[in-house]
Amino acid sequence: MKITGATVTNVSIGAQSVAVPVKTEAPSSAAPALQSEVLQPAAKALAALPDFDAARVAELRDQLAKGELPFDAGRLAGLIQRFHGGRG
């Protein structure tokens, strides 16, 4: 198999590393340059944020397990229903 116009990335699967071709595309010129310049700082800031705060999640999980953090299932259900507009 011949792949042209691609780069190769090593992907680890267990103890093995496999070379996987990744197709790269030229950036689209359809987006206006102004939009790109305006959104670029926000996109960089968003990319720098972690997906979630694992330490805080572990802390809250421990507090729930110890009974130190009150949990009201009815209130949570109400908030979920309100957020989703009561749609089923």
PDB file of N, CA and C in Angstrom:
ATOM      1  N   MET A   1       0.857  -1.177   0.000  1.00  0.00           N
ATOM      2  CA  MET A   1       0.000   0.000   0.000  1.00  0.00           C
ATOM      3  C   MET A   1       0.893   1.227   0.000  1.00  0.00           C
ATOM      4  N   LYS A   2       0.614   2.167  -0.864  1.00  0.00           N
ATOM      5  CA  LYS A   2       1.402   3.383  -0.959  1.00  0.00           C
ATOM      6  C   LYS A   2       0.551   4.550  -0.499  1.00  0.00           C
ATOM      7  N   ILE A   3       1.093   5.303   0.457  1.00  0.00           N
ATOM      8  CA  ILE A   3       0.381   6.479   0.962  1.00  0.00           C
ATOM      9  C   ILE A   3       1.254   7.687   0.672  1.00  0.00           C
ATOM     10  N   THR A   4       0.682   8.662  -0.013  1.00  0.00           N
ATOM     11  CA  THR A   4       1.443   9.861  -0.338  1.00  0.00           C
ATOM     12  C   THR A   4       0.829  11.049   0.379  1.00  0.00           C
ATOM     13  N   GLY A   5       1.644  12.043   0.634  1.00  0.00           N
ATOM     14  CA  GLY A   5       1.144  13.253   1.277  1.00  0.00           C
ATOM     15  C   GLY A   5       0.710  13.025   2.707  1.00  0.00           C
ATOM     16  N   ALA A   6       1.393  12.124   3.398  1.00  0.00           N
ATOM     17  CA  ALA A   6       1.001  11.815   4.768  1.00  0.00           C
ATOM     18  C   ALA A   6       2.233  11.797   5.653  1.00  0.00           C
ATOM     19  N   THR A   7       2.005  11.985   6.932  1.00  0.00           N
ATOM     20  CA  THR A   7       3.075  11.845   7.907  1.00  0.00           C
ATOM     21  C   THR A   7       2.813  10.566   8.683  1.00  0.00           C
ATOM     22  N   VAL A   8       3.832  10.099   9.380  1.00  0.00           N
ATOM     23  CA  VAL A   8       3.707   8.865  10.144  1.00  0.00           C
ATOM     24  C   VAL A   8       3.782   9.197  11.620  1.00  0.00           C
ATOM     25  N   THR A   9       2.862   8.651  12.394  1.00  0.00           N
ATOM     26  CA  THR A   9       2.829   8.840  13.832  1.00  0.00           C
ATOM     27  C   THR A   9       2.966   7.485  14.499  1.00  0.00           C
ATOM     28  N   ASN A  10       3.771   7.416  15.537  1.00  0.00           N
ATOM     29  CA  ASN A  10       3.900   6.176  16.298  1.00  0.00           C
ATOM     30  C   ASN A  10       2.809   6.124  17.350  1.00  0.00           C
ATOM     31  N   VAL A  11       2.071   5.035  17.380  1.00  0.00           N
ATOM     32  CA  VAL A  11       0.989   4.828  18.331  1.00  0.00           C
ATOM     33  C   VAL A  11       1.340   3.623  19.184  1.00  0.00           C
ATOM     34  N   SER A  12       1.280   3.785  20.498  1.00  0.00           N
ATOM     35  CA  SER A  12       1.569   2.674  21.403  1.00  0.00           C
ATOM     36  C   SER A  12       0.301   1.891  21.683  1.00  0.00           C
ATOM     37  N   ILE A  13       0.382   0.579  21.491  1.00  0.00           N
ATOM     38  CA  ILE A  13      -0.717  -0.328  21.789  1.00  0.00           C
ATOM     39  C   ILE A  13      -0.146  -1.365  22.732  1.00  0.00           C
ATOM     40  N   GLY A  14      -0.442  -1.195  24.008  1.00  0.00           N
ATOM     41  CA  GLY A  14       0.163  -2.076  24.999  1.00  0.00           C
ATOM     42  C   GLY A  14       1.658  -1.835  25.023  1.00  0.00           C
ATOM     43  N   ALA A  15       2.451  -2.876  24.853  1.00  0.00           N
ATOM     44  CA  ALA A  15       3.896  -2.753  24.868  1.00  0.00           C
ATOM     45  C   ALA A  15       4.456  -2.514  23.470  1.00  0.00           C
ATOM     46  N   GLN A  16       3.610  -2.561  22.456  1.00  0.00           N
ATOM     47  CA  GLN A  16       4.066  -2.406  21.079  1.00  0.00           C
ATOM     48  C   GLN A  16       3.844  -0.992  20.587  1.00  0.00           C
ATOM     49  N   SER A  17       4.718  -0.549  19.697  1.00  0.00           N
ATOM     50  CA  SER A  17       4.573   0.738  19.051  1.00  0.00           C
ATOM     51  C   SER A  17       4.374   0.482  17.564  1.00  0.00           C
ATOM     52  N   VAL A  18       3.330   1.066  17.000  1.00  0.00           N
ATOM     53  CA  VAL A  18       2.984   0.843  15.602  1.00  0.00           C
ATOM     54  C   VAL A  18       3.041   2.174  14.865  1.00  0.00           C
ATOM     55  N   ALA A  19       3.645   2.186  13.687  1.00  0.00           N
ATOM     56  CA  ALA A  19       3.684   3.382  12.849  1.00  0.00           C
ATOM     57  C   ALA A  19       2.375   3.472  12.081  1.00  0.00           C
ATOM     58  N   VAL A  20       1.677   4.573  12.259  1.00  0.00           N
ATOM     59  CA  VAL A  20       0.384   4.763  11.612  1.00  0.00           C
ATOM     60  C   VAL A  20       0.457   5.988  10.709  1.00  0.00           C
ATOM     61  N   PRO A  21       0.133   5.828   9.425  1.00  0.00           N
ATOM     62  CA  PRO A  21       0.141   6.998   8.546  1.00  0.00           C
ATOM     63  C   PRO A  21      -1.044   7.911   8.873  1.00  0.00           C
ATOM     64  N   VAL A  22      -0.773   9.201   8.910  1.00  0.00           N
ATOM     65  CA  VAL A  22      -1.811  10.186   9.210  1.00  0.00           C
ATOM     66  C   VAL A  22      -1.872  11.159   8.052  1.00  0.00           C
ATOM     67  N   LYS A  23      -3.023  11.253   7.426  1.00  0.00           N
ATOM     68  CA  LYS A  23      -3.182  12.157   6.299  1.00  0.00           C
ATOM     69  C   LYS A  23      -3.255  13.587   6.819  1.00  0.00           C
ATOM     70  N   THR A  24      -2.482  14.450   6.226  1.00  0.00           N
ATOM     71  CA  THR A  24      -2.511  15.860   6.598  1.00  0.00           C
ATOM     72  C   THR A  24      -3.110  16.633   5.447  1.00  0.00           C
ATOM     73  N   GLU A  25      -3.964  17.567   5.795  1.00  0.00           N
ATOM     74  CA  GLU A  25      -4.605  18.384   4.780  1.00  0.00           C
ATOM     75  C   GLU A  25      -4.129  19.817   4.921  1.00  0.00           C
ATOM     76  N   ALA A  26      -4.065  20.501   3.818  1.00  0.00           N
ATOM     77  CA  ALA A  26      -3.693  21.909   3.845  1.00  0.00           C
ATOM     78  C   ALA A  26      -4.794  22.692   4.536  1.00  0.00           C
ATOM     79  N   PRO A  27      -4.452  23.737   5.294  1.00  0.00           N
ATOM     80  CA  PRO A  27      -5.478  24.542   5.944  1.00  0.00           C
ATOM     81  C   PRO A  27      -6.415  25.167   4.916  1.00  0.00           C
ATOM     82  N   SER A  28      -7.661  25.198   5.270  1.00  0.00           N
ATOM     83  CA  SER A  28      -8.670  25.759   4.375  1.00  0.00           C
ATOM     84  C   SER A  28      -8.536  27.274   4.317  1.00  0.00           C
ATOM     85  N   SER A  29      -8.575  27.818   3.128  1.00  0.00           N
ATOM     86  CA  SER A  29      -8.510  29.273   2.984  1.00  0.00           C
ATOM     87  C   SER A  29      -9.911  29.870   2.953  1.00  0.00           C
ATOM     88  N   ALA A  30     -10.927  29.043   3.189  1.00  0.00           N
ATOM     89  CA  ALA A  30     -12.304  29.522   3.154  1.00  0.00           C
ATOM     90  C   ALA A  30     -12.620  30.412   4.344  1.00  0.00           C
ATOM     91  N   ALA A  31     -11.972  30.166   5.506  1.00  0.00           N
ATOM     92  CA  ALA A  31     -12.235  30.981   6.694  1.00  0.00           C
ATOM     93  C   ALA A  31     -11.529  32.322   6.543  1.00  0.00           C
ATOM     94  N   PRO A  32     -12.231  33.402   6.827  1.00  0.00           N
ATOM     95  CA  PRO A  32     -11.596  34.719   6.719  1.00  0.00           C
ATOM     96  C   PRO A  32     -10.432  34.842   7.695  1.00  0.00           C
ATOM     97  N   ALA A  33      -9.400  35.552   7.287  1.00  0.00           N
ATOM     98  CA  ALA A  33      -8.217  35.727   8.124  1.00  0.00           C
ATOM     99  C   ALA A  33      -8.568  36.453   9.414  1.00  0.00           C
ATOM    100  N   LEU A  34      -9.474  37.414   9.372  1.00  0.00           N
ATOM    101  CA  LEU A  34      -9.855  38.163  10.563  1.00  0.00           C
ATOM    102  C   LEU A  34     -10.439  37.232  11.621  1.00  0.00           C
ATOM    103  N   GLN A  35     -11.337  36.341  11.212  1.00  0.00           N
ATOM    104  CA  GLN A  35     -11.940  35.410  12.157  1.00  0.00           C
ATOM    105  C   GLN A  35     -10.861  34.544  12.791  1.00  0.00           C
ATOM    106  N   SER A  36      -9.930  34.097  11.999  1.00  0.00           N
ATOM    107  CA  SER A  36      -8.857  33.262  12.503  1.00  0.00           C
ATOM    108  C   SER A  36      -8.023  34.026  13.527  1.00  0.00           C
ATOM    109  N   GLU A  37      -7.696  35.275  13.231  1.00  0.00           N
ATOM    110  CA  GLU A  37      -6.899  36.091  14.135  1.00  0.00           C
ATOM    111  C   GLU A  37      -7.653  36.406  15.420  1.00  0.00           C
ATOM    112  N   VAL A  38      -8.944  36.616  15.333  1.00  0.00           N
ATOM    113  CA  VAL A  38      -9.758  36.941  16.502  1.00  0.00           C
ATOM    114  C   VAL A  38      -9.944  35.713  17.385  1.00  0.00           C
ATOM    115  N   LEU A  39     -10.176  34.564  16.793  1.00  0.00           N
ATOM    116  CA  LEU A  39     -10.452  33.359  17.564  1.00  0.00           C
ATOM    117  C   LEU A  39      -9.204  32.631  18.023  1.00  0.00           C
ATOM    118  N   GLN A  40      -8.072  32.918  17.419  1.00  0.00           N
ATOM    119  CA  GLN A  40      -6.845  32.188  17.730  1.00  0.00           C
ATOM    120  C   GLN A  40      -6.459  32.261  19.217  1.00  0.00           C
ATOM    121  N   PRO A  41      -6.461  33.433  19.876  1.00  0.00           N
ATOM    122  CA  PRO A  41      -6.103  33.464  21.298  1.00  0.00           C
ATOM    123  C   PRO A  41      -7.085  32.650  22.162  1.00  0.00           C
ATOM    124  N   ALA A  42      -8.357  32.713  21.837  1.00  0.00           N
ATOM    125  CA  ALA A  42      -9.348  31.949  22.603  1.00  0.00           C
ATOM    126  C   ALA A  42      -9.147  30.455  22.394  1.00  0.00           C
ATOM    127  N   ALA A  43      -8.859  30.044  21.174  1.00  0.00           N
ATOM    128  CA  ALA A  43      -8.630  28.629  20.882  1.00  0.00           C
ATOM    129  C   ALA A  43      -7.402  28.124  21.620  1.00  0.00           C
ATOM    130  N   LYS A  44      -6.339  28.939  21.678  1.00  0.00           N
ATOM    131  CA  LYS A  44      -5.132  28.547  22.402  1.00  0.00           C
ATOM    132  C   LYS A  44      -5.411  28.422  23.897  1.00  0.00           C
ATOM    133  N   ALA A  45      -6.154  29.371  24.459  1.00  0.00           N
ATOM    134  CA  ALA A  45      -6.481  29.323  25.887  1.00  0.00           C
ATOM    135  C   ALA A  45      -7.329  28.102  26.208  1.00  0.00           C
ATOM    136  N   LEU A  46      -8.270  27.785  25.346  1.00  0.00           N
ATOM    137  CA  LEU A  46      -9.125  26.619  25.548  1.00  0.00           C
ATOM    138  C   LEU A  46      -8.317  25.334  25.455  1.00  0.00           C
ATOM    139  N   ALA A  47      -7.397  25.267  24.519  1.00  0.00           N
ATOM    140  CA  ALA A  47      -6.568  24.077  24.364  1.00  0.00           C
ATOM    141  C   ALA A  47      -5.649  23.868  25.563  1.00  0.00           C
ATOM    142  N   ALA A  48      -5.284  24.949  26.248  1.00  0.00           N
ATOM    143  CA  ALA A  48      -4.386  24.851  27.405  1.00  0.00           C
ATOM    144  C   ALA A  48      -5.103  24.349  28.657  1.00  0.00           C
ATOM    145  N   LEU A  49      -6.430  24.437  28.685  1.00  0.00           N
ATOM    146  CA  LEU A  49      -7.187  23.987  29.860  1.00  0.00           C
ATOM    147  C   LEU A  49      -7.236  22.466  29.915  1.00  0.00           C
ATOM    148  N   PRO A  50      -7.161  21.899  31.120  1.00  0.00           N
ATOM    149  CA  PRO A  50      -7.312  20.443  31.220  1.00  0.00           C
ATOM    150  C   PRO A  50      -8.768  20.061  30.963  1.00  0.00           C
ATOM    151  N   ASP A  51      -8.985  18.804  30.548  1.00  0.00           N
ATOM    152  CA  ASP A  51     -10.351  18.349  30.304  1.00  0.00           C
ATOM    153  C   ASP A  51     -11.178  18.426  31.578  1.00  0.00           C
ATOM    154  N   PHE A  52     -10.575  18.063  32.705  1.00  0.00           N
ATOM    155  CA  PHE A  52     -11.222  18.191  34.001  1.00  0.00           C
ATOM    156  C   PHE A  52     -10.152  18.191  35.071  1.00  0.00           C
ATOM    157  N   ASP A  53     -10.521  18.637  36.261  1.00  0.00           N
ATOM    158  CA  ASP A  53      -9.587  18.708  37.386  1.00  0.00           C
ATOM    159  C   ASP A  53      -9.660  17.383  38.135  1.00  0.00           C
ATOM    160  N   ALA A  54      -8.769  16.458  37.804  1.00  0.00           N
ATOM    161  CA  ALA A  54      -8.792  15.116  38.384  1.00  0.00           C
ATOM    162  C   ALA A  54      -8.626  15.155  39.898  1.00  0.00           C
ATOM    163  N   ALA A  55      -7.792  16.059  40.400  1.00  0.00           N
ATOM    164  CA  ALA A  55      -7.586  16.150  41.850  1.00  0.00           C
ATOM    165  C   ALA A  55      -8.871  16.582  42.549  1.00  0.00           C
ATOM    166  N   ARG A  56      -9.578  17.535  41.962  1.00  0.00           N
ATOM    167  CA  ARG A  56     -10.833  18.012  42.569  1.00  0.00           C
ATOM    168  C   ARG A  56     -11.898  16.916  42.525  1.00  0.00           C
ATOM    169  N   VAL A  57     -11.965  16.167  41.439  1.00  0.00           N
ATOM    170  CA  VAL A  57     -12.924  15.066  41.325  1.00  0.00           C
ATOM    171  C   VAL A  57     -12.644  14.021  42.403  1.00  0.00           C
ATOM    172  N   ALA A  58     -11.367  13.690  42.606  1.00  0.00           N
ATOM    173  CA  ALA A  58     -10.999  12.709  43.640  1.00  0.00           C
ATOM    174  C   ALA A  58     -11.363  13.225  45.026  1.00  0.00           C
ATOM    175  N   GLU A  59     -11.128  14.512  45.259  1.00  0.00           N
ATOM    176  CA  GLU A  59     -11.468  15.126  46.553  1.00  0.00           C
ATOM    177  C   GLU A  59     -12.969  15.043  46.817  1.00  0.00           C
ATOM    178  N   LEU A  60     -13.774  15.406  45.830  1.00  0.00           N
ATOM    179  CA  LEU A  60     -15.230  15.355  45.987  1.00  0.00           C
ATOM    180  C   LEU A  60     -15.724  13.921  46.152  1.00  0.00           C
ATOM    181  N   ARG A  61     -15.126  12.982  45.425  1.00  0.00           N
ATOM    182  CA  ARG A  61     -15.498  11.573  45.537  1.00  0.00           C
ATOM    183  C   ARG A  61     -15.236  11.073  46.962  1.00  0.00           C
ATOM    184  N   ASP A  62     -14.076  11.451  47.516  1.00  0.00           N
ATOM    185  CA  ASP A  62     -13.748  11.047  48.886  1.00  0.00           C
ATOM    186  C   ASP A  62     -14.715  11.662  49.889  1.00  0.00           C
ATOM    187  N   GLN A  63     -15.053  12.936  49.705  1.00  0.00           N
ATOM    188  CA  GLN A  63     -15.998  13.596  50.612  1.00  0.00           C
ATOM    189  C   GLN A  63     -17.365  12.930  50.554  1.00  0.00           C
ATOM    190  N   LEU A  64     -17.814  12.570  49.359  1.00  0.00           N
ATOM    191  CA  LEU A  64     -19.101  11.870  49.231  1.00  0.00           C
ATOM    192  C   LEU A  64     -19.050  10.522  49.943  1.00  0.00           C
ATOM    193  N   ALA A  65     -17.965   9.792  49.755  1.00  0.00           N
ATOM    194  CA  ALA A  65     -17.832   8.467  50.367  1.00  0.00           C
ATOM    195  C   ALA A  65     -17.826   8.552  51.885  1.00  0.00           C
ATOM    196  N   LYS A  66     -17.249   9.612  52.427  1.00  0.00           N
ATOM    197  CA  LYS A  66     -17.172   9.783  53.886  1.00  0.00           C
ATOM    198  C   LYS A  66     -18.436  10.414  54.462  1.00  0.00           C
ATOM    199  N   GLY A  67     -19.349  10.832  53.593  1.00  0.00           N
ATOM    200  CA  GLY A  67     -20.577  11.474  54.057  1.00  0.00           C
ATOM    201  C   GLY A  67     -20.367  12.921  54.451  1.00  0.00           C
ATOM    202  N   GLU A  68     -19.253  13.508  54.047  1.00  0.00           N
ATOM    203  CA  GLU A  68     -18.943  14.892  54.399  1.00  0.00           C
ATOM    204  C   GLU A  68     -19.557  15.896  53.426  1.00  0.00           C
ATOM    205  N   LEU A  69     -19.985  15.425  52.291  1.00  0.00           N
ATOM    206  CA  LEU A  69     -20.565  16.287  51.276  1.00  0.00           C
ATOM    207  C   LEU A  69     -22.019  15.876  51.087  1.00  0.00           C
ATOM    208  N   PRO A  70     -22.951  16.780  51.419  1.00  0.00           N
ATOM    209  CA  PRO A  70     -24.363  16.397  51.284  1.00  0.00           C
ATOM    210  C   PRO A  70     -24.739  16.194  49.820  1.00  0.00           C
ATOM    211  N   PHE A  71     -25.591  15.202  49.593  1.00  0.00           N
ATOM    212  CA  PHE A  71     -26.046  14.904  48.238  1.00  0.00           C
ATOM    213  C   PHE A  71     -27.561  14.787  48.252  1.00  0.00           C
ATOM    214  N   ASP A  72     -28.212  15.592  47.450  1.00  0.00           N
ATOM    215  CA  ASP A  72     -29.667  15.593  47.364  1.00  0.00           C
ATOM    216  C   ASP A  72     -30.048  15.168  45.949  1.00  0.00           C
ATOM    217  N   ALA A  73     -30.389  13.894  45.803  1.00  0.00           N
ATOM    218  CA  ALA A  73     -30.719  13.355  44.476  1.00  0.00           C
ATOM    219  C   ALA A  73     -31.915  14.071  43.860  1.00  0.00           C
ATOM    220  N   GLY A  74     -32.895  14.428  44.661  1.00  0.00           N
ATOM    221  CA  GLY A  74     -34.068  15.132  44.149  1.00  0.00           C
ATOM    222  C   GLY A  74     -33.712  16.500  43.591  1.00  0.00           C
ATOM    223  N   ARG A  75     -32.824  17.200  44.289  1.00  0.00           N
ATOM    224  CA  ARG A  75     -32.392  18.518  43.802  1.00  0.00           C
ATOM    225  C   ARG A  75     -31.619  18.370  42.502  1.00  0.00           C
ATOM    226  N   LEU A  76     -30.740  17.372  42.429  1.00  0.00           N
ATOM    227  CA  LEU A  76     -29.984  17.136  41.204  1.00  0.00           C
ATOM    228  C   LEU A  76     -30.921  16.815  40.044  1.00  0.00           C
ATOM    229  N   ALA A  77     -31.908  15.971  40.296  1.00  0.00           N
ATOM    230  CA  ALA A  77     -32.874  15.621  39.247  1.00  0.00           C
ATOM    231  C   ALA A  77     -33.625  16.866  38.772  1.00  0.00           C
ATOM    232  N   GLY A  78     -34.005  17.731  39.712  1.00  0.00           N
ATOM    233  CA  GLY A  78     -34.699  18.964  39.355  1.00  0.00           C
ATOM    234  C   GLY A  78     -33.830  19.887  38.507  1.00  0.00           C
ATOM    235  N   LEU A  79     -32.547  19.995  38.865  1.00  0.00           N
ATOM    236  CA  LEU A  79     -31.632  20.839  38.100  1.00  0.00           C
ATOM    237  C   LEU A  79     -31.420  20.286  36.687  1.00  0.00           C
ATOM    238  N   ILE A  80     -31.300  18.972  36.590  1.00  0.00           N
ATOM    239  CA  ILE A  80     -31.136  18.354  35.272  1.00  0.00           C
ATOM    240  C   ILE A  80     -32.377  18.597  34.423  1.00  0.00           C
ATOM    241  N   GLN A  81     -33.532  18.422  35.026  1.00  0.00           N
ATOM    242  CA  GLN A  81     -34.786  18.627  34.296  1.00  0.00           C
ATOM    243  C   GLN A  81     -34.916  20.088  33.870  1.00  0.00           C
ATOM    244  N   ARG A  82     -34.548  21.006  34.752  1.00  0.00           N
ATOM    245  CA  ARG A  82     -34.638  22.428  34.423  1.00  0.00           C
ATOM    246  C   ARG A  82     -33.663  22.775  33.297  1.00  0.00           C
ATOM    247  N   PHE A  83     -32.443  22.246  33.372  1.00  0.00           N
ATOM    248  CA  PHE A  83     -31.434  22.530  32.346  1.00  0.00           C
ATOM    249  C   PHE A  83     -31.877  22.026  30.983  1.00  0.00           C
ATOM    250  N   HIS A  84     -32.474  20.847  30.964  1.00  0.00           N
ATOM    251  CA  HIS A  84     -32.891  20.244  29.703  1.00  0.00           C
ATOM    252  C   HIS A  84     -34.317  20.618  29.313  1.00  0.00           C
ATOM    253  N   GLY A  85     -34.917  21.489  30.062  1.00  0.00           N
ATOM    254  CA  GLY A  85     -36.229  22.023  29.709  1.00  0.00           C
ATOM    255  C   GLY A  85     -37.367  21.027  29.842  1.00  0.00           C
ATOM    256  N   GLY A  86     -37.166  20.000  30.638  1.00  0.00           N
ATOM    257  CA  GLY A  86     -38.232  19.033  30.866  1.00  0.00           C
ATOM    258  C   GLY A  86     -38.532  18.164  29.665  1.00  0.00           C
ATOM    259  N   ARG A  87     -37.640  18.212  28.665  1.00  0.00           N
ATOM    260  CA  ARG A  87     -37.852  17.390  27.478  1.00  0.00           C
ATOM    261  C   ARG A  87     -37.469  15.941  27.792  1.00  0.00           C
ATOM    262  N   GLY A  88     -38.192  15.017  27.231  1.00  0.00           N
ATOM    263  CA  GLY A  88     -37.903  13.605  27.494  1.00  0.00           C
ATOM    264  C   GLY A  88     -37.272  12.900  26.354  1.00  0.00           C
TER     265      GLY A  88
END
